[in-house]
Amino acid sequence: MKTTKTIFQDGSHKWVAIVRDPQKPHHLIDTNEYLVTHGGRGLLLDPGGAEIFPAVFSALATEFDPSALAGIFASHQDPDICSSLALWLEFNPQMHCYVSWLWSSFIPHFGGTVETFVQIPDPGLNIALEGLLLQAVPAHYLHSSGNFNLYDKTAKLLFSGDVGAALLPAGEEALFVEDFDRHIRHAEAFHRRWMGSNDAKRRWCERISQLEIDMLCPQHGAIYQGADVQRFINWFDELQVGIVGL
């Protein structure tokens, strides 16, 4: 069962984390989904795979009217990101999906029409949600060649997708990172293998360090907050990535 937790709220401007499911089948990677709302409309970030659509939909509906979703933000093309797309579109065919231009002819295999997709150019895109401006921030090659994070300047919150992800063992279900040194051990192997470019990683660290971020929210694992945000950026900057342990 998926559960929800409000991680930011200021009036109708709200961020909800739809968090990990300890009862999911073991062959599926666990994921976090995020909902940002403003002015009665919502944007769902990396809504997940088709297998978990009922759990995500049910959890979201406890917090927000799903019919008020304006769209979906897909950080990249993986099935755990958006293979549920056709099911969301069946519920609301008018919903848009914001995705890198690179994947605009691939993700439609999950569903949708040409009108569904809003292509994000490589430098990024500002996405308006009922007057709230969200920024798609380039994170190319981390790990996908067409990859974006989403930044909310007002909430000082960065949805980082697979950057910062940790594959946590059973029993570690905390929403926020509680012990950075212990937590980061569960992120190291993932980042070394799945992040494809040291140059791209350094550019990301430089770009993200210029933003005001109170919470860095990955698609897998716990949320970094406060000083742990910069701790993660510094750790990632020094890590050698694109490594296969052969």
Foldseek 3Di string as FASTA:
>chain_A
DWAKDWPDDDPQWTKIKRAWDLPDPPVDATWIKMWTTDPQAIEIEQQFALVCNVVSVVNVVVPHPLVRYQAYEFQAQDRRRDLNVQVSCVVPVNHAYEFAPVCLVPNCVSPHDNNRYDHAYQQWDWDDHPNFTKTWHHLAPQPHNGGTWIARQVRLEIEDELQVAFRDDPPPRDQADDDLVVRCVRVQVVFQARRADLVSLLVVLVVCVPGRHQWYHYTHDHIYGDPRVVVSSVVSNPHHHNDDPD
